[in-house]
N, C-alpha and C. Protein backbone atom coordinates (compact mmCIF):
# COMPACT_ATOMS: atom_id res chain seq x y z
N MET A 1 -47.63 0.96 72.56
CA MET A 1 -46.21 0.85 72.84
C MET A 1 -45.83 -0.62 72.91
N GLN A 2 -44.75 -0.98 72.27
CA GLN A 2 -44.26 -2.36 72.23
C GLN A 2 -43.20 -2.57 73.31
N THR A 3 -43.29 -3.70 74.01
CA THR A 3 -42.30 -4.05 75.02
C THR A 3 -41.21 -4.89 74.38
N ILE A 4 -39.94 -4.56 74.65
CA ILE A 4 -38.81 -5.31 74.12
C ILE A 4 -38.11 -5.99 75.28
N LEU A 5 -37.93 -7.27 75.17
CA LEU A 5 -37.24 -8.04 76.19
C LEU A 5 -35.78 -8.22 75.75
N ILE A 6 -34.87 -7.86 76.61
CA ILE A 6 -33.44 -8.01 76.31
C ILE A 6 -32.90 -9.13 77.18
N ASP A 7 -32.26 -10.11 76.55
CA ASP A 7 -31.68 -11.25 77.26
C ASP A 7 -30.24 -10.90 77.64
N PRO A 8 -29.93 -10.78 78.94
CA PRO A 8 -28.59 -10.37 79.37
C PRO A 8 -27.56 -11.50 79.40
N THR A 9 -27.96 -12.70 79.06
CA THR A 9 -27.00 -13.81 79.11
C THR A 9 -26.05 -13.74 77.93
N ALA A 10 -24.86 -14.26 78.14
CA ALA A 10 -23.86 -14.27 77.08
C ALA A 10 -24.29 -15.20 75.95
N GLU A 11 -23.95 -14.81 74.75
CA GLU A 11 -24.30 -15.65 73.61
C GLU A 11 -23.49 -16.93 73.58
N ASP A 12 -22.22 -16.82 73.88
CA ASP A 12 -21.35 -17.98 73.88
C ASP A 12 -20.76 -18.14 75.28
N ALA A 13 -20.64 -19.36 75.72
CA ALA A 13 -20.00 -19.62 77.00
C ALA A 13 -18.50 -19.37 76.87
N ALA A 14 -17.92 -18.80 77.88
CA ALA A 14 -16.48 -18.55 77.86
C ALA A 14 -15.73 -19.88 77.87
N GLN A 15 -14.64 -19.91 77.14
CA GLN A 15 -13.81 -21.10 77.11
C GLN A 15 -13.10 -21.25 78.46
N VAL A 16 -13.18 -22.42 79.02
CA VAL A 16 -12.54 -22.69 80.30
C VAL A 16 -11.15 -23.27 80.03
N PHE A 17 -10.15 -22.74 80.73
CA PHE A 17 -8.80 -23.26 80.56
C PHE A 17 -8.09 -23.20 81.90
N ALA A 18 -7.12 -24.06 82.04
CA ALA A 18 -6.33 -24.07 83.27
C ALA A 18 -5.35 -22.91 83.23
N GLY A 19 -5.06 -22.35 84.38
CA GLY A 19 -4.09 -21.27 84.46
C GLY A 19 -2.68 -21.80 84.20
N ALA A 20 -1.77 -20.89 84.05
CA ALA A 20 -0.38 -21.27 83.82
C ALA A 20 0.19 -21.96 85.06
N GLU A 21 1.13 -22.83 84.83
CA GLU A 21 1.80 -23.47 85.96
C GLU A 21 2.61 -22.43 86.72
N ARG A 22 2.72 -22.64 88.02
CA ARG A 22 3.54 -21.75 88.83
C ARG A 22 5.00 -21.90 88.47
N LEU A 23 5.72 -20.81 88.52
CA LEU A 23 7.16 -20.86 88.30
C LEU A 23 7.80 -21.52 89.53
N PRO A 24 8.80 -22.36 89.33
CA PRO A 24 9.44 -23.00 90.48
C PRO A 24 10.14 -21.98 91.39
N THR A 25 10.58 -20.86 90.82
CA THR A 25 11.20 -19.78 91.58
C THR A 25 11.02 -18.48 90.80
N LEU A 26 11.07 -17.38 91.50
CA LEU A 26 11.05 -16.07 90.85
C LEU A 26 12.46 -15.54 90.63
N GLN A 27 13.43 -16.20 91.23
CA GLN A 27 14.82 -15.74 91.18
C GLN A 27 15.28 -15.49 89.75
N GLY A 28 15.62 -14.22 89.45
CA GLY A 28 16.18 -13.85 88.16
C GLY A 28 15.21 -13.89 86.98
N LYS A 29 13.93 -14.03 87.22
CA LYS A 29 12.96 -14.12 86.12
C LYS A 29 12.67 -12.75 85.52
N ARG A 30 12.22 -12.75 84.27
CA ARG A 30 11.75 -11.53 83.59
C ARG A 30 10.25 -11.43 83.82
N ILE A 31 9.83 -10.34 84.43
CA ILE A 31 8.43 -10.16 84.78
C ILE A 31 7.89 -8.89 84.11
N ALA A 32 6.75 -9.01 83.43
CA ALA A 32 6.07 -7.84 82.87
C ALA A 32 4.97 -7.43 83.83
N LEU A 33 4.88 -6.15 84.08
CA LEU A 33 3.81 -5.58 84.89
C LEU A 33 2.89 -4.84 83.93
N LEU A 34 1.70 -5.37 83.69
CA LEU A 34 0.79 -4.81 82.69
C LEU A 34 -0.18 -3.85 83.37
N ASP A 35 0.00 -2.58 83.07
CA ASP A 35 -0.80 -1.50 83.65
C ASP A 35 -1.97 -1.20 82.72
N ASN A 36 -3.18 -1.33 83.23
CA ASN A 36 -4.35 -1.04 82.39
C ASN A 36 -4.69 0.44 82.38
N ILE A 37 -3.88 1.27 82.98
CA ILE A 37 -3.92 2.72 83.08
C ILE A 37 -5.10 3.27 83.89
N LYS A 38 -5.77 2.44 84.66
CA LYS A 38 -6.77 2.98 85.57
C LYS A 38 -6.04 3.63 86.74
N HIS A 39 -6.72 4.55 87.40
CA HIS A 39 -6.12 5.28 88.52
C HIS A 39 -5.55 4.32 89.56
N ASN A 40 -4.35 4.59 89.98
CA ASN A 40 -3.66 3.88 91.05
C ASN A 40 -3.07 2.51 90.68
N ALA A 41 -3.38 1.96 89.53
CA ALA A 41 -2.79 0.67 89.14
C ALA A 41 -1.28 0.78 89.05
N GLU A 42 -0.79 1.87 88.49
CA GLU A 42 0.66 2.04 88.34
C GLU A 42 1.36 2.05 89.70
N TYR A 43 0.74 2.66 90.72
CA TYR A 43 1.35 2.71 92.05
C TYR A 43 1.48 1.31 92.64
N LEU A 44 0.44 0.52 92.51
CA LEU A 44 0.47 -0.85 93.01
C LEU A 44 1.52 -1.67 92.27
N LEU A 45 1.51 -1.59 90.94
CA LEU A 45 2.46 -2.37 90.15
C LEU A 45 3.90 -1.93 90.39
N THR A 46 4.12 -0.64 90.60
CA THR A 46 5.47 -0.15 90.89
C THR A 46 5.98 -0.75 92.20
N GLU A 47 5.13 -0.80 93.20
CA GLU A 47 5.52 -1.40 94.49
C GLU A 47 5.82 -2.88 94.32
N VAL A 48 4.97 -3.59 93.59
CA VAL A 48 5.21 -5.02 93.34
C VAL A 48 6.53 -5.20 92.60
N GLY A 49 6.77 -4.37 91.58
CA GLY A 49 8.01 -4.46 90.82
C GLY A 49 9.24 -4.21 91.67
N ASP A 50 9.16 -3.21 92.56
CA ASP A 50 10.29 -2.91 93.45
C ASP A 50 10.60 -4.12 94.35
N ARG A 51 9.57 -4.77 94.85
CA ARG A 51 9.78 -5.94 95.71
C ARG A 51 10.33 -7.12 94.92
N LEU A 52 9.85 -7.31 93.71
CA LEU A 52 10.38 -8.41 92.89
C LEU A 52 11.87 -8.19 92.60
N ARG A 53 12.25 -6.95 92.34
CA ARG A 53 13.66 -6.64 92.09
C ARG A 53 14.51 -6.89 93.33
N SER A 54 14.07 -6.34 94.46
CA SER A 54 14.89 -6.40 95.66
C SER A 54 14.92 -7.78 96.31
N GLU A 55 13.82 -8.49 96.30
CA GLU A 55 13.75 -9.77 96.99
C GLU A 55 14.11 -10.97 96.12
N TRP A 56 13.91 -10.85 94.81
CA TRP A 56 14.13 -12.00 93.92
C TRP A 56 15.09 -11.72 92.77
N GLY A 57 15.57 -10.49 92.65
CA GLY A 57 16.49 -10.16 91.56
C GLY A 57 15.85 -10.23 90.19
N CYS A 58 14.57 -9.97 90.13
CA CYS A 58 13.85 -10.04 88.85
C CYS A 58 14.16 -8.84 87.97
N ASP A 59 14.10 -9.07 86.67
CA ASP A 59 14.15 -8.01 85.67
C ASP A 59 12.69 -7.65 85.40
N VAL A 60 12.27 -6.43 85.75
CA VAL A 60 10.86 -6.05 85.72
C VAL A 60 10.65 -4.88 84.76
N ASP A 61 9.62 -4.99 83.92
CA ASP A 61 9.25 -3.91 83.01
C ASP A 61 7.78 -3.55 83.21
N LEU A 62 7.49 -2.26 83.30
CA LEU A 62 6.11 -1.77 83.37
C LEU A 62 5.65 -1.48 81.95
N ILE A 63 4.57 -2.10 81.55
CA ILE A 63 4.03 -1.94 80.20
C ILE A 63 2.61 -1.42 80.34
N LYS A 64 2.29 -0.37 79.59
CA LYS A 64 0.97 0.25 79.70
C LYS A 64 0.11 -0.04 78.48
N LYS A 65 -1.14 -0.43 78.77
CA LYS A 65 -2.14 -0.54 77.71
C LYS A 65 -2.54 0.86 77.26
N LYS A 66 -3.14 0.94 76.09
CA LYS A 66 -3.59 2.23 75.58
C LYS A 66 -4.84 2.70 76.33
N THR A 67 -5.74 1.78 76.62
CA THR A 67 -6.98 2.12 77.31
C THR A 67 -7.47 0.93 78.12
N TYR A 68 -8.12 1.20 79.22
CA TYR A 68 -8.64 0.12 80.05
C TYR A 68 -9.98 -0.40 79.55
N THR A 69 -10.57 0.25 78.58
CA THR A 69 -11.89 -0.15 78.10
C THR A 69 -11.85 -1.21 77.01
N LYS A 70 -10.67 -1.55 76.54
CA LYS A 70 -10.56 -2.51 75.45
C LYS A 70 -9.50 -3.56 75.76
N PHE A 71 -9.53 -4.63 74.97
CA PHE A 71 -8.51 -5.66 75.12
C PHE A 71 -7.13 -5.08 74.84
N CYS A 72 -6.14 -5.76 75.34
CA CYS A 72 -4.75 -5.37 75.13
C CYS A 72 -4.42 -5.42 73.63
N GLU A 73 -3.67 -4.45 73.16
CA GLU A 73 -3.31 -4.37 71.75
C GLU A 73 -2.48 -5.59 71.34
N PRO A 74 -2.68 -6.09 70.12
CA PRO A 74 -1.97 -7.30 69.66
C PRO A 74 -0.45 -7.21 69.77
N HIS A 75 0.14 -6.06 69.48
CA HIS A 75 1.60 -5.96 69.56
C HIS A 75 2.08 -6.06 71.01
N ILE A 76 1.28 -5.59 71.95
CA ILE A 76 1.65 -5.72 73.36
C ILE A 76 1.51 -7.18 73.79
N LEU A 77 0.42 -7.82 73.41
CA LEU A 77 0.26 -9.24 73.75
C LEU A 77 1.43 -10.05 73.22
N LYS A 78 1.85 -9.77 72.00
CA LYS A 78 2.98 -10.48 71.40
C LYS A 78 4.26 -10.25 72.21
N SER A 79 4.48 -9.01 72.65
CA SER A 79 5.69 -8.71 73.42
C SER A 79 5.70 -9.40 74.77
N LEU A 80 4.53 -9.67 75.34
CA LEU A 80 4.45 -10.33 76.64
C LEU A 80 4.91 -11.78 76.59
N GLU A 81 4.94 -12.36 75.40
CA GLU A 81 5.38 -13.74 75.25
C GLU A 81 6.85 -13.93 75.64
N SER A 82 7.63 -12.86 75.62
CA SER A 82 9.06 -12.98 75.93
C SER A 82 9.34 -12.95 77.44
N TYR A 83 8.32 -12.79 78.26
CA TYR A 83 8.49 -12.74 79.71
C TYR A 83 8.20 -14.10 80.34
N ASP A 84 8.78 -14.31 81.51
CA ASP A 84 8.51 -15.53 82.26
C ASP A 84 7.14 -15.47 82.93
N ALA A 85 6.70 -14.27 83.27
CA ALA A 85 5.40 -14.09 83.92
C ALA A 85 4.90 -12.68 83.66
N VAL A 86 3.58 -12.53 83.77
CA VAL A 86 2.94 -11.22 83.61
C VAL A 86 2.03 -11.01 84.82
N ILE A 87 2.13 -9.83 85.41
CA ILE A 87 1.27 -9.46 86.52
C ILE A 87 0.49 -8.23 86.08
N THR A 88 -0.81 -8.25 86.32
CA THR A 88 -1.62 -7.09 86.00
C THR A 88 -2.40 -6.66 87.23
N ALA A 89 -2.86 -5.43 87.22
CA ALA A 89 -3.63 -4.91 88.34
C ALA A 89 -4.66 -3.93 87.83
N ILE A 90 -5.71 -3.79 88.59
CA ILE A 90 -6.75 -2.82 88.29
C ILE A 90 -6.75 -1.81 89.42
N GLY A 91 -6.67 -0.54 89.08
CA GLY A 91 -6.67 0.49 90.11
C GLY A 91 -8.02 1.17 90.18
N ASP A 92 -8.18 2.03 91.12
CA ASP A 92 -9.33 2.94 91.33
C ASP A 92 -9.39 3.33 92.76
């Protein structure tokens, strides 16, 4: 019997980048809530969206990915460019 060694390290190092700058205010901003469709993520995002609307007057849209097991679809990523900010959550 032959032993096979599997190397669990990543082949390529992830690209490091700085996060987006903070918005100076949330007042009146367009915010996308990206739901990865795992259990309970929608409940959390709905609550966050309700608070953004009531406390900051934000225009909020809930957008759902097709599946949580894969990257976001290209057409959804493109649509997110029109928002001032995107918030995502993982449920379970």
